[in-house]
Amino acid sequence: MKMNALDWIAMILVIIGGLNWGLWGAFEFNLVDAIFGEFTALSRIVYVIVGLSALYVLITAPMKSKSGGSAPMASTPPQQ
């Protein structure tokens, strides 16, 4: 099953969230707060959207992996 636009948006937001956590863990630097301000309404909205994206990916990933390309390829001789 191919990823649709919502899948891509959610995946990008989850990656952004993961990078923000990595920056916080390594350097105690919060990228979201640096961009939108510390505990502003906008930064809280960003956190909520990233969290909802993580839930979306968590729920849809198993369904996508079942219909994904995990089946072995049929062995066919090369064409000449």
N, C-alpha and C. Protein backbone atom coordinates (compact mmCIF):
# COMPACT_ATOMS: atom_id res chain seq x y z
N MET A 1 0.84 -1.18 0.00
CA MET A 1 0.00 0.00 0.00
C MET A 1 0.89 1.24 0.00
N LYS A 2 0.60 2.16 -0.88
CA LYS A 2 1.37 3.39 -0.96
C LYS A 2 0.96 4.36 0.14
N MET A 3 1.90 5.22 0.49
CA MET A 3 1.60 6.23 1.50
C MET A 3 0.88 7.40 0.85
N ASN A 4 -0.21 7.85 1.48
CA ASN A 4 -0.93 9.00 0.97
C ASN A 4 -0.37 10.27 1.60
N ALA A 5 -0.96 11.41 1.28
CA ALA A 5 -0.45 12.69 1.76
C ALA A 5 -0.48 12.78 3.29
N LEU A 6 -1.55 12.29 3.91
CA LEU A 6 -1.64 12.31 5.37
C LEU A 6 -0.54 11.46 6.01
N ASP A 7 -0.25 10.31 5.40
CA ASP A 7 0.83 9.45 5.90
C ASP A 7 2.16 10.19 5.87
N TRP A 8 2.44 10.87 4.76
CA TRP A 8 3.71 11.59 4.62
C TRP A 8 3.80 12.74 5.62
N ILE A 9 2.73 13.49 5.79
CA ILE A 9 2.72 14.60 6.74
C ILE A 9 2.97 14.07 8.15
N ALA A 10 2.27 13.00 8.52
CA ALA A 10 2.44 12.43 9.85
C ALA A 10 3.87 11.93 10.04
N MET A 11 4.42 11.28 9.03
CA MET A 11 5.79 10.76 9.14
C MET A 11 6.79 11.90 9.31
N ILE A 12 6.63 12.97 8.56
CA ILE A 12 7.53 14.11 8.68
C ILE A 12 7.43 14.74 10.06
N LEU A 13 6.21 14.87 10.58
CA LEU A 13 6.04 15.45 11.91
C LEU A 13 6.63 14.55 13.00
N VAL A 14 6.51 13.24 12.84
CA VAL A 14 7.11 12.32 13.80
C VAL A 14 8.64 12.43 13.75
N ILE A 15 9.19 12.58 12.57
CA ILE A 15 10.64 12.75 12.45
C ILE A 15 11.08 14.06 13.10
N ILE A 16 10.33 15.12 12.88
CA ILE A 16 10.64 16.40 13.51
C ILE A 16 10.61 16.26 15.03
N GLY A 17 9.58 15.56 15.54
CA GLY A 17 9.50 15.33 16.98
C GLY A 17 10.68 14.52 17.50
N GLY A 18 11.07 13.51 16.75
CA GLY A 18 12.22 12.70 17.15
C GLY A 18 13.51 13.50 17.15
N LEU A 19 13.68 14.35 16.15
CA LEU A 19 14.88 15.20 16.11
C LEU A 19 14.88 16.19 17.27
N ASN A 20 13.71 16.72 17.60
CA ASN A 20 13.63 17.64 18.74
C ASN A 20 14.01 16.93 20.04
N TRP A 21 13.53 15.70 20.23
CA TRP A 21 13.91 14.93 21.41
C TRP A 21 15.40 14.63 21.41
N GLY A 22 15.95 14.32 20.26
CA GLY A 22 17.39 14.06 20.17
C GLY A 22 18.21 15.29 20.52
N LEU A 23 17.79 16.45 20.02
CA LEU A 23 18.48 17.69 20.37
C LEU A 23 18.39 17.99 21.85
N TRP A 24 17.22 17.72 22.43
CA TRP A 24 17.04 17.96 23.86
C TRP A 24 17.94 17.01 24.67
N GLY A 25 17.95 15.75 24.29
CA GLY A 25 18.76 14.77 25.02
C GLY A 25 20.25 15.03 24.92
N ALA A 26 20.70 15.43 23.74
CA ALA A 26 22.13 15.62 23.53
C ALA A 26 22.63 16.99 24.00
N PHE A 27 21.84 18.03 23.78
CA PHE A 27 22.33 19.39 24.01
C PHE A 27 21.42 20.24 24.91
N GLU A 28 20.33 19.64 25.42
CA GLU A 28 19.33 20.39 26.17
C GLU A 28 18.85 21.61 25.38
N PHE A 29 18.65 21.40 24.08
CA PHE A 29 18.17 22.45 23.18
C PHE A 29 16.82 22.03 22.63
N ASN A 30 15.80 22.86 22.85
CA ASN A 30 14.46 22.57 22.37
C ASN A 30 14.19 23.42 21.14
N LEU A 31 14.19 22.78 19.98
CA LEU A 31 14.03 23.48 18.71
C LEU A 31 12.66 24.14 18.60
N VAL A 32 11.62 23.46 19.04
CA VAL A 32 10.26 24.03 18.95
C VAL A 32 10.18 25.30 19.78
N ASP A 33 10.70 25.27 21.00
CA ASP A 33 10.68 26.46 21.85
C ASP A 33 11.55 27.57 21.25
N ALA A 34 12.64 27.21 20.61
CA ALA A 34 13.52 28.21 20.01
C ALA A 34 12.81 28.92 18.84
N ILE A 35 11.99 28.19 18.11
CA ILE A 35 11.31 28.77 16.95
C ILE A 35 10.04 29.51 17.36
N PHE A 36 9.23 28.89 18.22
CA PHE A 36 7.90 29.43 18.52
C PHE A 36 7.79 30.09 19.89
N GLY A 37 8.82 30.02 20.68
CA GLY A 37 8.78 30.60 22.03
C GLY A 37 8.48 29.53 23.06
N GLU A 38 8.98 29.75 24.26
CA GLU A 38 8.82 28.75 25.32
C GLU A 38 7.40 28.78 25.88
N PHE A 39 6.72 27.66 25.76
CA PHE A 39 5.37 27.45 26.27
C PHE A 39 4.35 28.48 25.77
N THR A 40 4.50 28.89 24.51
CA THR A 40 3.49 29.74 23.90
C THR A 40 2.36 28.86 23.39
N ALA A 41 1.26 29.48 23.05
CA ALA A 41 0.13 28.73 22.49
C ALA A 41 0.54 28.02 21.21
N LEU A 42 1.35 28.69 20.38
CA LEU A 42 1.78 28.10 19.12
C LEU A 42 2.68 26.87 19.35
N SER A 43 3.60 26.96 20.30
CA SER A 43 4.46 25.81 20.56
C SER A 43 3.65 24.64 21.12
N ARG A 44 2.65 24.92 21.93
CA ARG A 44 1.79 23.85 22.46
C ARG A 44 1.01 23.20 21.33
N ILE A 45 0.54 23.98 20.38
CA ILE A 45 -0.17 23.43 19.22
C ILE A 45 0.75 22.51 18.43
N VAL A 46 2.00 22.94 18.25
CA VAL A 46 2.97 22.11 17.53
C VAL A 46 3.16 20.79 18.27
N TYR A 47 3.32 20.83 19.60
CA TYR A 47 3.48 19.60 20.38
C TYR A 47 2.28 18.68 20.23
N VAL A 48 1.07 19.24 20.25
CA VAL A 48 -0.14 18.43 20.12
C VAL A 48 -0.22 17.80 18.73
N ILE A 49 0.09 18.57 17.70
CA ILE A 49 0.04 18.03 16.33
C ILE A 49 1.07 16.93 16.14
N VAL A 50 2.27 17.11 16.68
CA VAL A 50 3.30 16.08 16.58
C VAL A 50 2.86 14.83 17.34
N GLY A 51 2.27 15.01 18.52
CA GLY A 51 1.77 13.87 19.29
C GLY A 51 0.66 13.13 18.57
N LEU A 52 -0.27 13.86 17.97
CA LEU A 52 -1.34 13.22 17.19
C LEU A 52 -0.78 12.48 15.98
N SER A 53 0.26 13.04 15.38
CA SER A 53 0.91 12.37 14.25
C SER A 53 1.54 11.06 14.69
N ALA A 54 2.16 11.07 15.86
CA ALA A 54 2.76 9.83 16.38
C ALA A 54 1.69 8.77 16.62
N LEU A 55 0.54 9.17 17.17
CA LEU A 55 -0.55 8.22 17.36
C LEU A 55 -1.06 7.69 16.02
N TYR A 56 -1.18 8.56 15.04
CA TYR A 56 -1.62 8.14 13.71
C TYR A 56 -0.67 7.11 13.12
N VAL A 57 0.64 7.39 13.21
CA VAL A 57 1.63 6.45 12.67
C VAL A 57 1.60 5.14 13.45
N LEU A 58 1.47 5.23 14.77
CA LEU A 58 1.40 4.04 15.61
C LEU A 58 0.21 3.15 15.23
N ILE A 59 -0.92 3.76 14.95
CA ILE A 59 -2.13 3.01 14.62
C ILE A 59 -2.11 2.48 13.20
N THR A 60 -1.61 3.27 12.26
CA THR A 60 -1.68 2.86 10.84
C THR A 60 -0.49 2.03 10.38
N ALA A 61 0.63 2.10 11.07
CA ALA A 61 1.83 1.37 10.63
C ALA A 61 1.60 -0.14 10.54
N PRO A 62 0.96 -0.77 11.54
CA PRO A 62 0.73 -2.22 11.40
C PRO A 62 -0.14 -2.58 10.21
N MET A 63 -1.14 -1.76 9.92
CA MET A 63 -2.01 -2.03 8.77
C MET A 63 -1.22 -1.91 7.47
N LYS A 64 -0.35 -0.92 7.40
CA LYS A 64 0.42 -0.71 6.18
C LYS A 64 1.48 -1.80 6.02
N SER A 65 2.03 -2.29 7.11
CA SER A 65 3.06 -3.32 7.00
C SER A 65 2.46 -4.66 6.57
N LYS A 66 1.20 -4.92 6.93
CA LYS A 66 0.56 -6.16 6.51
C LYS A 66 0.30 -6.16 5.01
N SER A 67 0.02 -5.00 4.45
CA SER A 67 -0.27 -4.94 3.03
C SER A 67 0.95 -4.50 2.23
N GLY A 68 2.07 -4.34 2.92
CA GLY A 68 3.29 -3.84 2.28
C GLY A 68 4.00 -4.91 1.49
N GLY A 69 5.22 -4.63 1.16
CA GLY A 69 6.01 -5.50 0.30
C GLY A 69 6.82 -6.53 1.06
N SER A 70 6.24 -7.19 2.06
CA SER A 70 7.00 -8.16 2.82
C SER A 70 6.94 -9.55 2.19
N ALA A 71 6.12 -9.73 1.17
CA ALA A 71 6.03 -11.02 0.50
C ALA A 71 7.26 -11.23 -0.36
N PRO A 72 7.77 -12.46 -0.40
CA PRO A 72 8.94 -12.72 -1.22
C PRO A 72 8.63 -12.52 -2.70
N MET A 73 9.64 -12.08 -3.42
CA MET A 73 9.48 -11.88 -4.86
C MET A 73 9.47 -13.23 -5.56
N ALA A 74 8.66 -13.34 -6.57
CA ALA A 74 8.65 -14.57 -7.36
C ALA A 74 9.92 -14.64 -8.17
N SER A 75 10.52 -15.81 -8.18
CA SER A 75 11.76 -15.95 -8.94
C SER A 75 11.42 -16.28 -10.38
N THR A 76 11.80 -15.38 -11.25
CA THR A 76 11.59 -15.58 -12.67
C THR A 76 12.93 -15.48 -13.37
N PRO A 77 13.13 -16.28 -14.36
CA PRO A 77 14.42 -16.21 -15.07
C PRO A 77 14.55 -14.88 -15.81
N PRO A 78 15.75 -14.36 -15.92
CA PRO A 78 15.94 -13.10 -16.64
C PRO A 78 15.56 -13.25 -18.10
N GLN A 79 14.99 -12.21 -18.66
CA GLN A 79 14.59 -12.23 -20.06
C GLN A 79 15.79 -11.88 -20.93
N GLN A 80 15.85 -12.55 -22.05
CA GLN A 80 16.96 -12.29 -22.98
C GLN A 80 16.47 -11.78 -24.29
